[in-house]
Structure formats: structure tokens, C-alpha cells
Amino acid sequence: LFALGSIINIFFLGSNYKARVPELINAFEWIVLLFLFLAIRSFFVRRVIRIRMKKGKELPDILRYINAFFEISIPTIGLFILSMHVEPVAALVSPMLLLYFFIIIISSLELNPRLSFFVGFVAAAEYISISLFYLSSTQNHSNIPVLDLPVAYLVRGGILFVSGILAGIVS
């Protein structure tokens, strides 16, 4: 999903997409590196879980929180990679933002409300941070005036945080 979303974003959110083929290749390199990291991480997480299950022990809460932190940081990394290939504001309002919600919803499957609250908080903090960074570091943001207002990104971050609270209530 991440790779497909990146390809679609680079082609359709960028101007003159035919000239962006070299950027697409560069984006694929980043995506492959991210996938390799996630595959290695998944291998180790699975191994730790399997060892703990054989011993009849549960996964410590700290490992659950570390794992959740890595998972919810995936969309942030995706936004960062995407912003290297399209306008940062286009990346910040792209469908990549919806990956946060997917991970927040999945966090409720842990049946730990505090973990869902944590995931929502981290998603909001990361999204707001990357948004404010790009808004403060770029000159030309958008032709749509509302996208130049920091409050638009603060509200999105607030919605991410509230979705974490709601996922926690559901769990």
C-alpha cells in the first residue's frame, strides 16, 4: 500500500510527471530501504514474540510501546519521502495522511486503551511537527490559502489524537 500510494502521489500530485521518472526511481530506492528495515524489524519482533510464547510469558508493555512507535512512524517517514518528490504541502494533504488512521485503528486490536492513546498522540505529534517544519522552511506553500495556515495542520493533528482516544475507547 505504501509503495502504491507513493507512486500514485508522485505521478499525480506532481506537475509534469513524465519528467519525474528519475525521482520515481529515487523514491523506489527509499521505499525499498524502508521495506527492508520493516522486514528485518518484523522478523525480530516475530522472533521475540515466539520465544516469549514458548516460555509462557507475555510481551512486556515497553516492547509493545516501542513497536507501536515504529509502526505509527511509518506514515511520517512516507510523508518525508514523498515531500522530497512533490511539494511538501501536497504531501501533507495527500492520501499518505490516511495511513495514520489505518495504524491507529489497528492499535485497538491490542485491547490496551493506553496504547491506542499513545499511538494517537505520537501520530498527532509527528504530523504536526513535520507540518510546521515544512510550513516554516518553504516560501511558496500552495495556491490554496487555507493550506498556508498552520491551524489547518494543527486541526488534522488534533483529529489524529482524538482518533487514538476513540480507538482506545473501542478497545
C-alpha atoms as a PDB file:
ATOM      1  CA  LEU A   1       0.000   0.000   0.000  1.00  0.00           C
ATOM      2  CA  PHE A   2       2.813   2.368   0.900  1.00  0.00           C
ATOM      3  CA  ALA A   3       4.642   1.779  -2.394  1.00  0.00           C
ATOM      4  CA  LEU A   4       1.480   2.078  -4.463  1.00  0.00           C
ATOM      5  CA  GLY A   5       0.464   5.251  -2.634  1.00  0.00           C
ATOM      6  CA  SER A   6       3.896   6.757  -3.198  1.00  0.00           C
ATOM      7  CA  ILE A   7       3.815   6.002  -6.910  1.00  0.00           C
ATOM      8  CA  ILE A   8       0.348   7.491  -7.297  1.00  0.00           C
ATOM      9  CA  ASN A   9       1.307  10.563  -5.280  1.00  0.00           C
ATOM     10  CA  ILE A  10       4.491  11.202  -7.233  1.00  0.00           C
ATOM     11  CA  PHE A  11       2.760  10.852 -10.598  1.00  0.00           C
ATOM     12  CA  PHE A  12      -0.493  12.640  -9.924  1.00  0.00           C
ATOM     13  CA  LEU A  13       0.360  15.230  -7.266  1.00  0.00           C
ATOM     14  CA  GLY A  14       3.441  16.465  -9.073  1.00  0.00           C
ATOM     15  CA  SER A  15       3.450  18.674 -12.083  1.00  0.00           C
ATOM     16  CA  ASN A  16       4.981  17.357 -15.297  1.00  0.00           C
ATOM     17  CA  TYR A  17       5.040  13.764 -14.106  1.00  0.00           C
ATOM     18  CA  LYS A  18       6.918  12.461 -17.170  1.00  0.00           C
ATOM     19  CA  ALA A  19       9.939  14.496 -16.156  1.00  0.00           C
ATOM     20  CA  ARG A  20       9.690  12.976 -12.673  1.00  0.00           C
ATOM     21  CA  VAL A  21      10.595   9.413 -13.667  1.00  0.00           C
ATOM     22  CA  PRO A  22      14.150   9.790 -12.237  1.00  0.00           C
ATOM     23  CA  GLU A  23      12.571  10.999  -8.992  1.00  0.00           C
ATOM     24  CA  LEU A  24      10.298   7.985  -9.033  1.00  0.00           C
ATOM     25  CA  ILE A  25      13.343   5.719  -9.255  1.00  0.00           C
ATOM     26  CA  ASN A  26      14.888   7.617  -6.328  1.00  0.00           C
ATOM     27  CA  ALA A  27      11.637   7.227  -4.388  1.00  0.00           C
ATOM     28  CA  PHE A  28      11.692   3.482  -5.081  1.00  0.00           C
ATOM     29  CA  GLU A  29      15.174   3.307  -3.573  1.00  0.00           C
ATOM     30  CA  TRP A  30      13.876   4.951  -0.406  1.00  0.00           C
ATOM     31  CA  ILE A  31      10.828   2.696  -0.371  1.00  0.00           C
ATOM     32  CA  VAL A  32      12.980  -0.427  -0.800  1.00  0.00           C
ATOM     33  CA  LEU A  33      15.186   0.678   2.101  1.00  0.00           C
ATOM     34  CA  LEU A  34      12.106   1.278   4.235  1.00  0.00           C
ATOM     35  CA  PHE A  35      10.674  -2.130   3.306  1.00  0.00           C
ATOM     36  CA  LEU A  36      13.979  -3.828   4.152  1.00  0.00           C
ATOM     37  CA  PHE A  37      14.016  -2.100   7.532  1.00  0.00           C
ATOM     38  CA  LEU A  38      10.405  -3.105   8.190  1.00  0.00           C
ATOM     39  CA  ALA A  39      11.053  -6.697   7.102  1.00  0.00           C
ATOM     40  CA  ILE A  40      14.056  -7.016   9.406  1.00  0.00           C
ATOM     41  CA  ARG A  41      12.133  -5.365  12.246  1.00  0.00           C
ATOM     42  CA  SER A  42       9.158  -7.704  11.677  1.00  0.00           C
ATOM     43  CA  PHE A  43      11.464 -10.719  11.712  1.00  0.00           C
ATOM     44  CA  PHE A  44      12.911  -9.715  15.086  1.00  0.00           C
ATOM     45  CA  VAL A  45       9.532  -8.791  16.577  1.00  0.00           C
ATOM     46  CA  ARG A  46       8.085 -12.107  15.495  1.00  0.00           C
ATOM     47  CA  ARG A  47      11.074 -13.956  16.892  1.00  0.00           C
ATOM     48  CA  VAL A  48      10.813 -12.205  20.263  1.00  0.00           C
ATOM     49  CA  ILE A  49       7.085 -12.935  20.428  1.00  0.00           C
ATOM     50  CA  ARG A  50       7.627 -16.604  19.532  1.00  0.00           C
ATOM     51  CA  ILE A  51      10.353 -17.016  22.193  1.00  0.00           C
ATOM     52  CA  ARG A  52       8.179 -15.321  24.824  1.00  0.00           C
ATOM     53  CA  MET A  53       5.191 -17.505  23.920  1.00  0.00           C
ATOM     54  CA  LYS A  54       7.267 -20.697  24.254  1.00  0.00           C
ATOM     55  CA  LYS A  55       8.272 -19.581  27.736  1.00  0.00           C
ATOM     56  CA  GLY A  56       4.642 -18.769  28.583  1.00  0.00           C
ATOM     57  CA  LYS A  57       5.402 -15.083  29.064  1.00  0.00           C
ATOM     58  CA  GLU A  58       3.616 -12.080  27.648  1.00  0.00           C
ATOM     59  CA  LEU A  59       5.332  -9.325  25.746  1.00  0.00           C
ATOM     60  CA  PRO A  60       6.420  -6.552  28.133  1.00  0.00           C
ATOM     61  CA  ASP A  61       4.498  -3.302  27.783  1.00  0.00           C
ATOM     62  CA  ILE A  62       7.649  -1.369  26.931  1.00  0.00           C
ATOM     63  CA  LEU A  63       8.194  -3.550  23.842  1.00  0.00           C
ATOM     64  CA  ARG A  64       4.567  -3.031  22.813  1.00  0.00           C
ATOM     65  CA  TYR A  65       5.018   0.730  23.036  1.00  0.00           C
ATOM     66  CA  ILE A  66       8.306   0.656  21.125  1.00  0.00           C
ATOM     67  CA  ASN A  67       6.694  -1.467  18.413  1.00  0.00           C
ATOM     68  CA  ALA A  68       3.689   0.878  18.244  1.00  0.00           C
ATOM     69  CA  PHE A  69       6.034   3.870  17.972  1.00  0.00           C
ATOM     70  CA  PHE A  70       7.818   2.329  14.986  1.00  0.00           C
ATOM     71  CA  GLU A  71       4.537   1.409  13.316  1.00  0.00           C
ATOM     72  CA  ILE A  72       2.974   4.853  13.689  1.00  0.00           C
ATOM     73  CA  SER A  73       6.171   6.476  12.415  1.00  0.00           C
ATOM     74  CA  ILE A  74       5.829   4.730   9.032  1.00  0.00           C
ATOM     75  CA  PRO A  75       3.397   7.359   7.634  1.00  0.00           C
ATOM     76  CA  THR A  76       5.704  10.126   8.873  1.00  0.00           C
ATOM     77  CA  ILE A  77       8.613   8.569   7.015  1.00  0.00           C
ATOM     78  CA  GLY A  78       6.340   8.210   3.997  1.00  0.00           C
ATOM     79  CA  LEU A  79       5.415  11.896   4.164  1.00  0.00           C
ATOM     80  CA  PHE A  80       9.078  12.799   4.396  1.00  0.00           C
ATOM     81  CA  ILE A  81       9.974  10.661   1.359  1.00  0.00           C
ATOM     82  CA  LEU A  82       7.000  11.995  -0.591  1.00  0.00           C
ATOM     83  CA  SER A  83       7.860  15.607   0.245  1.00  0.00           C
ATOM     84  CA  MET A  84      11.242  15.116  -1.424  1.00  0.00           C
ATOM     85  CA  HIS A  85       9.447  14.457  -4.726  1.00  0.00           C
ATOM     86  CA  VAL A  86       6.373  16.709  -4.627  1.00  0.00           C
ATOM     87  CA  GLU A  87       5.585  19.994  -2.937  1.00  0.00           C
ATOM     88  CA  PRO A  88       5.640  19.454   0.839  1.00  0.00           C
ATOM     89  CA  VAL A  89       2.125  20.874   1.221  1.00  0.00           C
ATOM     90  CA  ALA A  90       0.852  18.404  -1.391  1.00  0.00           C
ATOM     91  CA  ALA A  91       2.492  15.597   0.564  1.00  0.00           C
ATOM     92  CA  LEU A  92       0.941  16.775   3.834  1.00  0.00           C
ATOM     93  CA  VAL A  93      -2.589  16.669   2.429  1.00  0.00           C
ATOM     94  CA  SER A  94      -2.042  13.566   0.280  1.00  0.00           C
ATOM     95  CA  PRO A  95      -3.666  10.179   0.866  1.00  0.00           C
ATOM     96  CA  MET A  96      -0.489   9.234   2.762  1.00  0.00           C
ATOM     97  CA  LEU A  97      -2.084  11.018   5.740  1.00  0.00           C
ATOM     98  CA  LEU A  98      -4.736   8.304   5.876  1.00  0.00           C
ATOM     99  CA  LEU A  99      -2.142   5.656   6.763  1.00  0.00           C
ATOM    100  CA  TYR A 100      -2.049   7.177  10.248  1.00  0.00           C
ATOM    101  CA  PHE A 101      -5.720   6.307  10.711  1.00  0.00           C
ATOM    102  CA  PHE A 102      -5.180   2.756   9.467  1.00  0.00           C
ATOM    103  CA  ILE A 103      -2.463   2.171  12.075  1.00  0.00           C
ATOM    104  CA  ILE A 104      -4.465   3.899  14.832  1.00  0.00           C
ATOM    105  CA  ILE A 105      -7.454   1.649  14.116  1.00  0.00           C
ATOM    106  CA  ILE A 106      -5.251  -1.451  14.148  1.00  0.00           C
ATOM    107  CA  SER A 107      -3.813  -0.374  17.523  1.00  0.00           C
ATOM    108  CA  SER A 108      -7.197  -1.073  19.093  1.00  0.00           C
ATOM    109  CA  LEU A 109      -6.635  -4.793  18.381  1.00  0.00           C
ATOM    110  CA  GLU A 110      -4.058  -4.811  21.190  1.00  0.00           C
ATOM    111  CA  LEU A 111      -7.009  -4.314  23.577  1.00  0.00           C
ATOM    112  CA  ASN A 112      -4.957  -1.772  25.515  1.00  0.00           C
ATOM    113  CA  PRO A 113      -6.606   1.677  25.624  1.00  0.00           C
ATOM    114  CA  ARG A 114      -3.403   3.372  26.799  1.00  0.00           C
ATOM    115  CA  LEU A 115      -1.525   2.015  23.797  1.00  0.00           C
ATOM    116  CA  SER A 116      -4.146   3.448  21.425  1.00  0.00           C
ATOM    117  CA  PHE A 117      -3.961   6.804  23.241  1.00  0.00           C
ATOM    118  CA  PHE A 118      -0.177   6.683  22.852  1.00  0.00           C
ATOM    119  CA  VAL A 119      -0.395   5.863  19.144  1.00  0.00           C
ATOM    120  CA  GLY A 120      -2.845   8.732  18.577  1.00  0.00           C
ATOM    121  CA  PHE A 121      -0.616  11.136  20.498  1.00  0.00           C
ATOM    122  CA  VAL A 122       2.533  10.123  18.600  1.00  0.00           C
ATOM    123  CA  ALA A 123       0.715  10.351  15.243  1.00  0.00           C
ATOM    124  CA  ALA A 124      -0.518  13.848  16.093  1.00  0.00           C
ATOM    125  CA  ALA A 125       2.878  14.996  17.377  1.00  0.00           C
ATOM    126  CA  GLU A 126       4.743  13.665  14.342  1.00  0.00           C
ATOM    127  CA  TYR A 127       2.251  15.064  11.830  1.00  0.00           C
ATOM    128  CA  ILE A 128       2.147  18.484  13.470  1.00  0.00           C
ATOM    129  CA  SER A 129       5.941  18.558  13.749  1.00  0.00           C
ATOM    130  CA  ILE A 130       6.587  17.683  10.112  1.00  0.00           C
ATOM    131  CA  SER A 131       3.838  20.095   9.002  1.00  0.00           C
ATOM    132  CA  LEU A 132       5.208  23.028  10.974  1.00  0.00           C
ATOM    133  CA  PHE A 133       8.725  22.206   9.775  1.00  0.00           C
ATOM    134  CA  TYR A 134       7.694  22.340   6.123  1.00  0.00           C
ATOM    135  CA  LEU A 135       5.490  25.395   6.574  1.00  0.00           C
ATOM    136  CA  SER A 136       8.303  27.319   8.230  1.00  0.00           C
ATOM    137  CA  SER A 137      11.012  26.205   5.798  1.00  0.00           C
ATOM    138  CA  THR A 138       9.362  26.745   2.422  1.00  0.00           C
ATOM    139  CA  GLN A 139       8.487  30.010   0.699  1.00  0.00           C
ATOM    140  CA  ASN A 140       5.716  29.036  -1.692  1.00  0.00           C
ATOM    141  CA  HIS A 141       3.314  26.744   0.032  1.00  0.00           C
ATOM    142  CA  SER A 142       0.152  26.496  -2.001  1.00  0.00           C
ATOM    143  CA  ASN A 143      -2.249  28.275  -4.309  1.00  0.00           C
ATOM    144  CA  ILE A 144      -4.990  27.432  -1.826  1.00  0.00           C
ATOM    145  CA  PRO A 145      -4.749  29.985   1.026  1.00  0.00           C
ATOM    146  CA  VAL A 146      -6.149  27.708   3.738  1.00  0.00           C
ATOM    147  CA  LEU A 147      -3.252  25.291   3.185  1.00  0.00           C
ATOM    148  CA  ASP A 148      -0.825  28.032   4.228  1.00  0.00           C
ATOM    149  CA  LEU A 149      -2.414  28.325   7.668  1.00  0.00           C
ATOM    150  CA  PRO A 150      -0.766  26.307  10.438  1.00  0.00           C
ATOM    151  CA  VAL A 151      -4.161  25.846  12.092  1.00  0.00           C
ATOM    152  CA  ALA A 152      -5.193  23.539   9.213  1.00  0.00           C
ATOM    153  CA  TYR A 153      -2.401  21.145  10.185  1.00  0.00           C
ATOM    154  CA  LEU A 154      -2.971  21.559  13.904  1.00  0.00           C
ATOM    155  CA  VAL A 155      -6.594  20.522  13.397  1.00  0.00           C
ATOM    156  CA  ARG A 156      -5.518  17.451  11.412  1.00  0.00           C
ATOM    157  CA  GLY A 157      -3.123  16.569  14.235  1.00  0.00           C
ATOM    158  CA  GLY A 158      -5.931  17.054  16.732  1.00  0.00           C
ATOM    159  CA  ILE A 159      -8.138  14.704  14.725  1.00  0.00           C
ATOM    160  CA  LEU A 160      -5.354  12.095  14.772  1.00  0.00           C
ATOM    161  CA  PHE A 161      -5.101  12.427  18.553  1.00  0.00           C
ATOM    162  CA  VAL A 162      -8.880  12.161  19.006  1.00  0.00           C
ATOM    163  CA  SER A 163      -8.944   9.090  16.755  1.00  0.00           C
ATOM    164  CA  GLY A 164      -6.374   7.486  19.084  1.00  0.00           C
ATOM    165  CA  ILE A 165      -8.638   8.252  22.044  1.00  0.00           C
ATOM    166  CA  LEU A 166     -11.628   6.782  20.212  1.00  0.00           C
ATOM    167  CA  ALA A 167      -9.639   3.663  19.259  1.00  0.00           C
ATOM    168  CA  GLY A 168      -8.695   3.323  22.937  1.00  0.00           C
ATOM    169  CA  ILE A 169     -12.347   3.592  23.986  1.00  0.00           C
ATOM    170  CA  VAL A 170     -13.297   0.947  21.442  1.00  0.00           C
ATOM    171  CA  SER A 171     -10.523  -1.357  22.643  1.00  0.00           C
END
